[in-house]
Amino acid sequence: MKKSLAGYFVAGALLATLATGCTSRPNAEELKQLEDLKAEITSLERQIAAKQSEAAALQKAIADKQAQLAQCEKEKALVQERLKGM
């Protein structure tokens, strides 16, 4: 009988501790933290989009420069062939 009474006492104490520490609603500070985190996420997403756009522009510029280089190499080879023919 003493064991079951002690078990109920421990279970009751544990339940009381858990019930007082848990609430179903966030408090004002938690809501503020959540809003701050949402704002930070939005800002970071905008920064990511800007960096991706910048990276795409740089990739396009690289491709353009490579195309120009290839064209110059073709013209150089053509001029060298003409010089050999003289």
PDB file of N, CA and C in Angstrom:
ATOM      1  N   MET A   1       0.813  -1.191   0.000  1.00  0.00           N
ATOM      2  CA  MET A   1       0.000   0.000   0.000  1.00  0.00           C
ATOM      3  C   MET A   1       0.862   1.262   0.000  1.00  0.00           C
ATOM      4  N   LYS A   2       1.976   1.212   0.747  1.00  0.00           N
ATOM      5  CA  LYS A   2       2.846   2.371   0.803  1.00  0.00           C
ATOM      6  C   LYS A   2       3.475   2.645  -0.572  1.00  0.00           C
ATOM      7  N   LYS A   3       3.810   1.578  -1.307  1.00  0.00           N
ATOM      8  CA  LYS A   3       4.427   1.758  -2.622  1.00  0.00           C
ATOM      9  C   LYS A   3       3.460   2.418  -3.589  1.00  0.00           C
ATOM     10  N   SER A   4       2.229   2.014  -3.595  1.00  0.00           N
ATOM     11  CA  SER A   4       1.269   2.591  -4.521  1.00  0.00           C
ATOM     12  C   SER A   4       0.957   4.030  -4.134  1.00  0.00           C
ATOM     13  N   LEU A   5       0.916   4.341  -2.857  1.00  0.00           N
ATOM     14  CA  LEU A   5       0.677   5.698  -2.400  1.00  0.00           C
ATOM     15  C   LEU A   5       1.859   6.600  -2.784  1.00  0.00           C
ATOM     16  N   ALA A   6       3.061   6.100  -2.658  1.00  0.00           N
ATOM     17  CA  ALA A   6       4.253   6.861  -3.030  1.00  0.00           C
ATOM     18  C   ALA A   6       4.276   7.061  -4.548  1.00  0.00           C
ATOM     19  N   GLY A   7       3.880   6.061  -5.276  1.00  0.00           N
ATOM     20  CA  GLY A   7       3.829   6.161  -6.734  1.00  0.00           C
ATOM     21  C   GLY A   7       2.840   7.224  -7.175  1.00  0.00           C
ATOM     22  N   TYR A   8       1.680   7.267  -6.547  1.00  0.00           N
ATOM     23  CA  TYR A   8       0.694   8.292  -6.871  1.00  0.00           C
ATOM     24  C   TYR A   8       1.218   9.687  -6.532  1.00  0.00           C
ATOM     25  N   PHE A   9       1.934   9.789  -5.409  1.00  0.00           N
ATOM     26  CA  PHE A   9       2.477  11.067  -4.995  1.00  0.00           C
ATOM     27  C   PHE A   9       3.512  11.567  -6.020  1.00  0.00           C
ATOM     28  N   VAL A  10       4.417  10.674  -6.440  1.00  0.00           N
ATOM     29  CA  VAL A  10       5.441  11.037  -7.429  1.00  0.00           C
ATOM     30  C   VAL A  10       4.787  11.390  -8.762  1.00  0.00           C
ATOM     31  N   ALA A  11       3.829  10.613  -9.181  1.00  0.00           N
ATOM     32  CA  ALA A  11       3.135  10.883 -10.435  1.00  0.00           C
ATOM     33  C   ALA A  11       2.397  12.219 -10.370  1.00  0.00           C
ATOM     34  N   GLY A  12       1.767  12.500  -9.256  1.00  0.00           N
ATOM     35  CA  GLY A  12       1.052  13.762  -9.081  1.00  0.00           C
ATOM     36  C   GLY A  12       2.010  14.949  -9.111  1.00  0.00           C
ATOM     37  N   ALA A  13       3.143  14.808  -8.453  1.00  0.00           N
ATOM     38  CA  ALA A  13       4.126  15.896  -8.426  1.00  0.00           C
ATOM     39  C   ALA A  13       4.676  16.145  -9.825  1.00  0.00           C
ATOM     40  N   LEU A  14       4.956  15.072 -10.538  1.00  0.00           N
ATOM     41  CA  LEU A  14       5.462  15.194 -11.907  1.00  0.00           C
ATOM     42  C   LEU A  14       4.428  15.861 -12.806  1.00  0.00           C
ATOM     43  N   LEU A  15       3.190  15.451 -12.680  1.00  0.00           N
ATOM     44  CA  LEU A  15       2.117  16.033 -13.482  1.00  0.00           C
ATOM     45  C   LEU A  15       1.928  17.508 -13.160  1.00  0.00           C
ATOM     46  N   ALA A  16       1.994  17.874 -11.901  1.00  0.00           N
ATOM     47  CA  ALA A  16       1.845  19.275 -11.503  1.00  0.00           C
ATOM     48  C   ALA A  16       2.995  20.115 -12.059  1.00  0.00           C
ATOM     49  N   THR A  17       4.199  19.563 -12.029  1.00  0.00           N
ATOM     50  CA  THR A  17       5.354  20.285 -12.553  1.00  0.00           C
ATOM     51  C   THR A  17       5.219  20.496 -14.050  1.00  0.00           C
ATOM     52  N   LEU A  18       4.827  19.477 -14.772  1.00  0.00           N
ATOM     53  CA  LEU A  18       4.675  19.591 -16.219  1.00  0.00           C
ATOM     54  C   LEU A  18       3.534  20.530 -16.592  1.00  0.00           C
ATOM     55  N   ALA A  19       2.460  20.496 -15.857  1.00  0.00           N
ATOM     56  CA  ALA A  19       1.291  21.306 -16.175  1.00  0.00           C
ATOM     57  C   ALA A  19       1.571  22.788 -15.961  1.00  0.00           C
ATOM     58  N   THR A  20       2.359  23.129 -14.969  1.00  0.00           N
ATOM     59  CA  THR A  20       2.618  24.547 -14.719  1.00  0.00           C
ATOM     60  C   THR A  20       3.654  25.108 -15.680  1.00  0.00           C
ATOM     61  N   GLY A  21       4.530  24.276 -16.207  1.00  0.00           N
ATOM     62  CA  GLY A  21       5.583  24.754 -17.102  1.00  0.00           C
ATOM     63  C   GLY A  21       5.144  24.861 -18.547  1.00  0.00           C
ATOM     64  N   CYS A  22       4.068  24.271 -18.932  1.00  0.00           N
ATOM     65  CA  CYS A  22       3.631  24.257 -20.324  1.00  0.00           C
ATOM     66  C   CYS A  22       2.376  25.097 -20.496  1.00  0.00           C
ATOM     67  N   THR A  23       2.400  25.954 -21.499  1.00  0.00           N
ATOM     68  CA  THR A  23       1.202  26.702 -21.843  1.00  0.00           C
ATOM     69  C   THR A  23       0.924  26.475 -23.321  1.00  0.00           C
ATOM     70  N   SER A  24      -0.319  26.636 -23.684  1.00  0.00           N
ATOM     71  CA  SER A  24      -0.680  26.393 -25.075  1.00  0.00           C
ATOM     72  C   SER A  24      -0.492  27.641 -25.931  1.00  0.00           C
ATOM     73  N   ARG A  25      -0.298  28.803 -25.309  1.00  0.00           N
ATOM     74  CA  ARG A  25      -0.151  30.048 -26.066  1.00  0.00           C
ATOM     75  C   ARG A  25       1.236  30.642 -25.838  1.00  0.00           C
ATOM     76  N   PRO A  26       1.820  31.210 -26.888  1.00  0.00           N
ATOM     77  CA  PRO A  26       3.110  31.883 -26.701  1.00  0.00           C
ATOM     78  C   PRO A  26       2.902  33.238 -26.014  1.00  0.00           C
ATOM     79  N   ASN A  27       3.894  33.648 -25.253  1.00  0.00           N
ATOM     80  CA  ASN A  27       3.778  34.952 -24.594  1.00  0.00           C
ATOM     81  C   ASN A  27       4.244  36.052 -25.543  1.00  0.00           C
ATOM     82  N   ALA A  28       4.164  37.292 -25.089  1.00  0.00           N
ATOM     83  CA  ALA A  28       4.481  38.436 -25.936  1.00  0.00           C
ATOM     84  C   ALA A  28       5.940  38.407 -26.390  1.00  0.00           C
ATOM     85  N   GLU A  29       6.841  38.014 -25.518  1.00  0.00           N
ATOM     86  CA  GLU A  29       8.262  37.961 -25.881  1.00  0.00           C
ATOM     87  C   GLU A  29       8.507  36.915 -26.964  1.00  0.00           C
ATOM     88  N   GLU A  30       7.868  35.773 -26.850  1.00  0.00           N
ATOM     89  CA  GLU A  30       8.015  34.729 -27.863  1.00  0.00           C
ATOM     90  C   GLU A  30       7.440  35.181 -29.205  1.00  0.00           C
ATOM     91  N   LEU A  31       6.328  35.889 -29.176  1.00  0.00           N
ATOM     92  CA  LEU A  31       5.738  36.410 -30.415  1.00  0.00           C
ATOM     93  C   LEU A  31       6.666  37.440 -31.055  1.00  0.00           C
ATOM     94  N   LYS A  32       7.283  38.299 -30.241  1.00  0.00           N
ATOM     95  CA  LYS A  32       8.230  39.293 -30.757  1.00  0.00           C
ATOM     96  C   LYS A  32       9.425  38.595 -31.387  1.00  0.00           C
ATOM     97  N   GLN A  33       9.948  37.560 -30.735  1.00  0.00           N
ATOM     98  CA  GLN A  33      11.072  36.805 -31.289  1.00  0.00           C
ATOM     99  C   GLN A  33      10.687  36.172 -32.620  1.00  0.00           C
ATOM    100  N   LEU A  34       9.479  35.637 -32.676  1.00  0.00           N
ATOM    101  CA  LEU A  34       9.004  35.011 -33.910  1.00  0.00           C
ATOM    102  C   LEU A  34       8.908  36.029 -35.034  1.00  0.00           C
ATOM    103  N   GLU A  35       8.360  37.196 -34.750  1.00  0.00           N
ATOM    104  CA  GLU A  35       8.246  38.243 -35.761  1.00  0.00           C
ATOM    105  C   GLU A  35       9.628  38.713 -36.210  1.00  0.00           C
ATOM    106  N   ASP A  36      10.557  38.841 -35.263  1.00  0.00           N
ATOM    107  CA  ASP A  36      11.926  39.238 -35.612  1.00  0.00           C
ATOM    108  C   ASP A  36      12.572  38.196 -36.520  1.00  0.00           C
ATOM    109  N   LEU A  37      12.360  36.934 -36.214  1.00  0.00           N
ATOM    110  CA  LEU A  37      12.926  35.869 -37.037  1.00  0.00           C
ATOM    111  C   LEU A  37      12.310  35.860 -38.429  1.00  0.00           C
ATOM    112  N   LYS A  38      11.017  36.093 -38.512  1.00  0.00           N
ATOM    113  CA  LYS A  38      10.359  36.157 -39.824  1.00  0.00           C
ATOM    114  C   LYS A  38      10.913  37.306 -40.654  1.00  0.00           C
ATOM    115  N   ALA A  39      11.129  38.458 -40.010  1.00  0.00           N
ATOM    116  CA  ALA A  39      11.688  39.610 -40.715  1.00  0.00           C
ATOM    117  C   ALA A  39      13.113  39.314 -41.179  1.00  0.00           C
ATOM    118  N   GLU A  40      13.879  38.651 -40.340  1.00  0.00           N
ATOM    119  CA  GLU A  40      15.249  38.297 -40.714  1.00  0.00           C
ATOM    120  C   GLU A  40      15.261  37.316 -41.880  1.00  0.00           C
ATOM    121  N   ILE A  41      14.352  36.361 -41.869  1.00  0.00           N
ATOM    122  CA  ILE A  41      14.257  35.390 -42.965  1.00  0.00           C
ATOM    123  C   ILE A  41      13.925  36.111 -44.270  1.00  0.00           C
ATOM    124  N   THR A  42      12.979  37.033 -44.210  1.00  0.00           N
ATOM    125  CA  THR A  42      12.602  37.789 -45.409  1.00  0.00           C
ATOM    126  C   THR A  42      13.792  38.579 -45.944  1.00  0.00           C
ATOM    127  N   SER A  43      14.513  39.219 -45.046  1.00  0.00           N
ATOM    128  CA  SER A  43      15.691  39.993 -45.445  1.00  0.00           C
ATOM    129  C   SER A  43      16.743  39.088 -46.074  1.00  0.00           C
ATOM    130  N   LEU A  44      16.990  37.950 -45.468  1.00  0.00           N
ATOM    131  CA  LEU A  44      17.989  37.024 -45.992  1.00  0.00           C
ATOM    132  C   LEU A  44      17.566  36.457 -47.344  1.00  0.00           C
ATOM    133  N   GLU A  45      16.278  36.195 -47.509  1.00  0.00           N
ATOM    134  CA  GLU A  45      15.793  35.695 -48.799  1.00  0.00           C
ATOM    135  C   GLU A  45      15.995  36.739 -49.891  1.00  0.00           C
ATOM    136  N   ARG A  46      15.772  38.029 -49.545  1.00  0.00           N
ATOM    137  CA  ARG A  46      16.007  39.099 -50.516  1.00  0.00           C
ATOM    138  C   ARG A  46      17.490  39.181 -50.872  1.00  0.00           C
ATOM    139  N   GLN A  47      18.341  39.043 -49.871  1.00  0.00           N
ATOM    140  CA  GLN A  47      19.784  39.085 -50.124  1.00  0.00           C
ATOM    141  C   GLN A  47      20.214  37.918 -51.013  1.00  0.00           C
ATOM    142  N   ILE A  48      19.645  36.749 -50.776  1.00  0.00           N
ATOM    143  CA  ILE A  48      19.967  35.571 -51.593  1.00  0.00           C
ATOM    144  C   ILE A  48      19.548  35.815 -53.038  1.00  0.00           C
ATOM    145  N   ALA A  49      18.349  36.343 -53.229  1.00  0.00           N
ATOM    146  CA  ALA A  49      17.864  36.615 -54.590  1.00  0.00           C
ATOM    147  C   ALA A  49      18.765  37.630 -55.288  1.00  0.00           C
ATOM    148  N   ALA A  50      19.200  38.661 -54.555  1.00  0.00           N
ATOM    149  CA  ALA A  50      20.077  39.671 -55.150  1.00  0.00           C
ATOM    150  C   ALA A  50      21.419  39.055 -55.536  1.00  0.00           C
ATOM    151  N   LYS A  51      21.967  38.212 -54.680  1.00  0.00           N
ATOM    152  CA  LYS A  51      23.254  37.577 -54.973  1.00  0.00           C
ATOM    153  C   LYS A  51      23.123  36.605 -56.136  1.00  0.00           C
ATOM    154  N   GLN A  52      22.008  35.899 -56.223  1.00  0.00           N
ATOM    155  CA  GLN A  52      21.794  34.992 -57.347  1.00  0.00           C
ATOM    156  C   GLN A  52      21.687  35.770 -58.655  1.00  0.00           C
ATOM    157  N   SER A  53      21.022  36.905 -58.612  1.00  0.00           N
ATOM    158  CA  SER A  53      20.908  37.752 -59.796  1.00  0.00           C
ATOM    159  C   SER A  53      22.279  38.283 -60.196  1.00  0.00           C
ATOM    160  N   GLU A  54      23.049  38.705 -59.207  1.00  0.00           N
ATOM    161  CA  GLU A  54      24.403  39.194 -59.475  1.00  0.00           C
ATOM    162  C   GLU A  54      25.277  38.089 -60.068  1.00  0.00           C
ATOM    163  N   ALA A  55      25.155  36.886 -59.519  1.00  0.00           N
ATOM    164  CA  ALA A  55      25.936  35.756 -60.035  1.00  0.00           C
ATOM    165  C   ALA A  55      25.551  35.445 -61.476  1.00  0.00           C
ATOM    166  N   ALA A  56      24.271  35.512 -61.785  1.00  0.00           N
ATOM    167  CA  ALA A  56      23.814  35.249 -63.152  1.00  0.00           C
ATOM    168  C   ALA A  56      24.367  36.311 -64.107  1.00  0.00           C
ATOM    169  N   ALA A  57      24.371  37.563 -63.675  1.00  0.00           N
ATOM    170  CA  ALA A  57      24.913  38.632 -64.519  1.00  0.00           C
ATOM    171  C   ALA A  57      26.409  38.422 -64.753  1.00  0.00           C
ATOM    172  N   LEU A  58      27.119  38.019 -63.719  1.00  0.00           N
ATOM    173  CA  LEU A  58      28.552  37.766 -63.870  1.00  0.00           C
ATOM    174  C   LEU A  58      28.819  36.574 -64.795  1.00  0.00           C
ATOM    175  N   GLN A  59      28.007  35.538 -64.691  1.00  0.00           N
ATOM    176  CA  GLN A  59      28.153  34.379 -65.575  1.00  0.00           C
ATOM    177  C   GLN A  59      27.922  34.788 -67.033  1.00  0.00           C
ATOM    178  N   LYS A  60      26.933  35.655 -67.251  1.00  0.00           N
ATOM    179  CA  LYS A  60      26.663  36.137 -68.607  1.00  0.00           C
ATOM    180  C   LYS A  60      27.845  36.955 -69.118  1.00  0.00           C
ATOM    181  N   ALA A  61      28.404  37.798 -68.255  1.00  0.00           N
ATOM    182  CA  ALA A  61      29.558  38.610 -68.658  1.00  0.00           C
ATOM    183  C   ALA A  61      30.750  37.715 -68.997  1.00  0.00           C
ATOM    184  N   ILE A  62      30.959  36.678 -68.220  1.00  0.00           N
ATOM    185  CA  ILE A  62      32.050  35.734 -68.496  1.00  0.00           C
ATOM    186  C   ILE A  62      31.836  35.059 -69.844  1.00  0.00           C
ATOM    187  N   ALA A  63      30.609  34.628 -70.089  1.00  0.00           N
ATOM    188  CA  ALA A  63      30.300  33.963 -71.360  1.00  0.00           C
ATOM    189  C   ALA A  63      30.531  34.919 -72.536  1.00  0.00           C
ATOM    190  N   ASP A  64      30.139  36.184 -72.368  1.00  0.00           N
ATOM    191  CA  ASP A  64      30.362  37.174 -73.429  1.00  0.00           C
ATOM    192  C   ASP A  64      31.851  37.363 -73.689  1.00  0.00           C
ATOM    193  N   LYS A  65      32.627  37.484 -72.623  1.00  0.00           N
ATOM    194  CA  LYS A  65      34.082  37.670 -72.778  1.00  0.00           C
ATOM    195  C   LYS A  65      34.723  36.443 -73.428  1.00  0.00           C
ATOM    196  N   GLN A  66      34.268  35.265 -73.076  1.00  0.00           N
ATOM    197  CA  GLN A  66      34.802  34.048 -73.685  1.00  0.00           C
ATOM    198  C   GLN A  66      34.470  33.991 -75.170  1.00  0.00           C
ATOM    199  N   ALA A  67      33.275  34.438 -75.528  1.00  0.00           N
ATOM    200  CA  ALA A  67      32.891  34.470 -76.942  1.00  0.00           C
ATOM    201  C   ALA A  67      33.761  35.476 -77.705  1.00  0.00           C
ATOM    202  N   GLN A  68      34.013  36.619 -77.077  1.00  0.00           N
ATOM    203  CA  GLN A  68      34.880  37.612 -77.713  1.00  0.00           C
ATOM    204  C   GLN A  68      36.301  37.068 -77.872  1.00  0.00           C
ATOM    205  N   LEU A  69      36.779  36.382 -76.873  1.00  0.00           N
ATOM    206  CA  LEU A  69      38.117  35.792 -76.928  1.00  0.00           C
ATOM    207  C   LEU A  69      38.208  34.755 -78.047  1.00  0.00           C
ATOM    208  N   ALA A  70      37.189  33.921 -78.151  1.00  0.00           N
ATOM    209  CA  ALA A  70      37.176  32.910 -79.210  1.00  0.00           C
ATOM    210  C   ALA A  70      37.180  33.577 -80.581  1.00  0.00           C
ATOM    211  N   GLN A  71      36.412  34.648 -80.741  1.00  0.00           N
ATOM    212  CA  GLN A  71      36.376  35.373 -82.007  1.00  0.00           C
ATOM    213  C   GLN A  71      37.746  35.980 -82.307  1.00  0.00           C
ATOM    214  N   CYS A  72      38.389  36.555 -81.320  1.00  0.00           N
ATOM    215  CA  CYS A  72      39.727  37.142 -81.521  1.00  0.00           C
ATOM    216  C   CYS A  72      40.740  36.065 -81.912  1.00  0.00           C
ATOM    217  N   GLU A  73      40.628  34.900 -81.294  1.00  0.00           N
ATOM    218  CA  GLU A  73      41.549  33.808 -81.632  1.00  0.00           C
ATOM    219  C   GLU A  73      41.343  33.348 -83.073  1.00  0.00           C
ATOM    220  N   LYS A  74      40.092  33.302 -83.518  1.00  0.00           N
ATOM    221  CA  LYS A  74      39.816  32.937 -84.909  1.00  0.00           C
ATOM    222  C   LYS A  74      40.418  33.969 -85.862  1.00  0.00           C
ATOM    223  N   GLU A  75      40.216  35.241 -85.535  1.00  0.00           N
ATOM    224  CA  GLU A  75      40.753  36.302 -86.384  1.00  0.00           C
ATOM    225  C   GLU A  75      42.279  36.272 -86.394  1.00  0.00           C
ATOM    226  N   LYS A  76      42.883  36.007 -85.263  1.00  0.00           N
ATOM    227  CA  LYS A  76      44.340  35.917 -85.170  1.00  0.00           C
ATOM    228  C   LYS A  76      44.861  34.775 -86.037  1.00  0.00           C
ATOM    229  N   ALA A  77      44.200  33.631 -85.953  1.00  0.00           N
ATOM    230  CA  ALA A  77      44.610  32.478 -86.759  1.00  0.00           C
ATOM    231  C   ALA A  77      44.469  32.798 -88.246  1.00  0.00           C
ATOM    232  N   LEU A  78      43.413  33.486 -88.615  1.00  0.00           N
ATOM    233  CA  LEU A  78      43.197  33.866 -90.008  1.00  0.00           C
ATOM    234  C   LEU A  78      44.298  34.812 -90.501  1.00  0.00           C
ATOM    235  N   VAL A  79      44.650  35.785 -89.674  1.00  0.00           N
ATOM    236  CA  VAL A  79      45.694  36.742 -90.052  1.00  0.00           C
ATOM    237  C   VAL A  79      47.040  36.012 -90.176  1.00  0.00           C
ATOM    238  N   GLN A  80      47.329  35.113 -89.272  1.00  0.00           N
ATOM    239  CA  GLN A  80      48.587  34.361 -89.335  1.00  0.00           C
ATOM    240  C   GLN A  80      48.652  33.518 -90.604  1.00  0.00           C
ATOM    241  N   GLU A  81      47.542  32.925 -90.987  1.00  0.00           N
ATOM    242  CA  GLU A  81      47.508  32.120 -92.234  1.00  0.00           C
ATOM    243  C   GLU A  81      47.758  33.018 -93.439  1.00  0.00           C
ATOM    244  N   ARG A  82      47.171  34.189 -93.445  1.00  0.00           N
ATOM    245  CA  ARG A  82      47.366  35.114 -94.559  1.00  0.00           C
ATOM    246  C   ARG A  82      48.804  35.589 -94.627  1.00  0.00           C
ATOM    247  N   LEU A  83      49.435  35.810 -93.440  1.00  0.00           N
ATOM    248  CA  LEU A  83      50.834  36.246 -93.415  1.00  0.00           C
ATOM    249  C   LEU A  83      51.766  35.146 -93.926  1.00  0.00           C
ATOM    250  N   LYS A  84      51.454  33.921 -93.628  1.00  0.00           N
ATOM    251  CA  LYS A  84      52.256  32.792 -94.119  1.00  0.00           C
ATOM    252  C   LYS A  84      52.149  32.667 -95.642  1.00  0.00           C
ATOM    253  N   GLY A  85      51.026  33.029 -96.172  1.00  0.00           N
ATOM    254  CA  GLY A  85      50.778  32.912 -97.595  1.00  0.00           C
ATOM    255  C   GLY A  85      51.486  33.988 -98.403  1.00  0.00           C
ATOM    256  N   MET A  86      51.989  35.012 -97.788  1.00  0.00           N
ATOM    257  CA  MET A  86      52.621  36.115 -98.519  1.00  0.00           C
ATOM    258  C   MET A  86      54.002  35.765 -98.930  1.00  0.00           C
TER     259      MET A  86
END
